[in-house]
Protein backbone atom coordinates (compact mmCIF):
# COMPACT_ATOMS: atom_id res chain seq x y z
CA ALA A 1 -10.29 3.79 -13.45
CA LYS A 2 -10.70 7.52 -13.58
CA ALA A 3 -8.42 9.80 -11.58
CA GLY A 4 -11.30 10.88 -9.33
CA GLU A 5 -12.06 7.26 -8.46
CA HIS A 6 -8.43 6.67 -7.48
CA GLU A 7 -8.46 9.76 -5.27
CA ARG A 8 -11.72 8.71 -3.61
CA ALA A 9 -10.38 5.19 -2.97
CA ILE A 10 -7.11 6.61 -1.64
CA GLY A 11 -9.05 8.84 0.76
CA TYR A 12 -11.14 5.94 2.10
CA LEU A 13 -8.08 3.73 2.49
CA ARG A 14 -6.09 6.45 4.27
CA ASP A 15 -9.02 6.77 6.71
CA SER A 16 -8.98 2.98 7.23
CA VAL A 17 -5.28 2.80 8.08
CA ALA A 18 -5.56 5.91 10.25
CA SER A 19 -8.26 4.25 12.37
CA ASP A 20 -6.51 0.84 12.36
CA PRO A 21 -2.77 1.11 11.61
CA LEU A 22 -2.38 -2.69 11.76
CA TYR A 23 -4.98 -3.29 9.01
CA SER A 24 -2.48 -4.76 6.54
CA ALA A 25 -5.08 -5.44 3.82
CA ALA A 26 -5.93 -1.72 3.75
CA TRP A 27 -2.23 -0.82 3.49
CA LYS A 28 -1.91 -3.23 0.57
CA ALA A 29 -4.96 -1.75 -1.18
CA LEU A 30 -3.69 1.78 -0.49
CA GLY A 31 -0.32 0.93 -2.01
CA LYS A 32 -1.99 -0.44 -5.12
CA ALA A 33 -4.33 2.55 -5.47
CA LEU A 34 -1.41 4.97 -5.13
CA ALA A 35 0.69 3.00 -7.63
CA ASP A 36 -2.23 2.94 -10.08
CA ALA A 37 -2.53 6.73 -9.68
CA GLY A 38 1.17 7.11 -10.56
CA ARG A 39 2.15 8.11 -7.03
CA SER A 40 4.97 5.60 -6.61
CA ASP A 41 6.76 7.31 -3.69
CA GLU A 42 3.57 7.26 -1.63
CA ALA A 43 2.79 3.71 -2.79
CA LEU A 44 6.19 2.49 -1.60
CA GLU A 45 5.65 4.13 1.77
CA ALA A 46 2.21 2.48 2.07
CA TYR A 47 3.69 -0.92 1.23
CA ARG A 48 6.50 -0.43 3.76
CA ARG A 49 4.04 0.55 6.48
CA GLY A 50 1.86 -2.40 5.47
CA VAL A 51 4.79 -4.80 5.77
CA GLU A 52 5.44 -3.49 9.29
CA ALA A 53 1.76 -3.89 10.19
CA ALA A 54 1.69 -7.42 8.78
CA LYS A 55 4.86 -8.34 10.72
CA ARG A 56 3.36 -7.05 13.96
CA LYS A 57 0.20 -9.08 13.35
CA GLY A 58 2.07 -12.19 12.21
CA ASP A 59 0.38 -12.05 8.78
CA LYS A 60 3.12 -13.72 6.72
CA GLN A 61 1.10 -13.80 3.48
CA ALA A 62 0.37 -10.06 3.46
CA GLU A 63 3.97 -9.32 4.46
CA LYS A 64 5.28 -11.40 1.56
CA GLU A 65 2.85 -9.90 -0.99
CA MET A 66 3.60 -6.30 -0.09
CA THR A 67 7.35 -6.95 -0.06
CA VAL A 68 7.04 -8.29 -3.63
CA PHE A 69 4.87 -5.34 -4.73
CA ALA A 70 7.33 -2.83 -3.22
CA ARG A 71 10.31 -4.49 -4.93
CA ARG A 72 8.48 -4.49 -8.25
CA LEU A 73 7.68 -0.79 -7.86
CA GLU A 74 11.29 -0.01 -6.96
CA ARG A 75 12.49 -1.85 -10.08
CA GLN A 76 10.04 0.08 -12.27
CA ARG A 77 11.36 3.32 -10.81
CA GLY A 78 14.96 2.19 -11.19
CA THR A 79 15.80 2.66 -7.51
């Protein structure tokens, strides 16, 4: 995807989580879009917020997926 497409997607997804902070699927998509754009710090934060949202909603699957994605990103960064 082109950089402009990533930025557009990131903007839409940020709007989604701003209007519904417990929308764990949007947090997951935001984390992926940020990671794909090379913005790993922001991606990790999105995944962490998504894990919290998923926990509050009782969405075990989303919680597990985002935890795995965050760990993978941390390993890639060497943190």
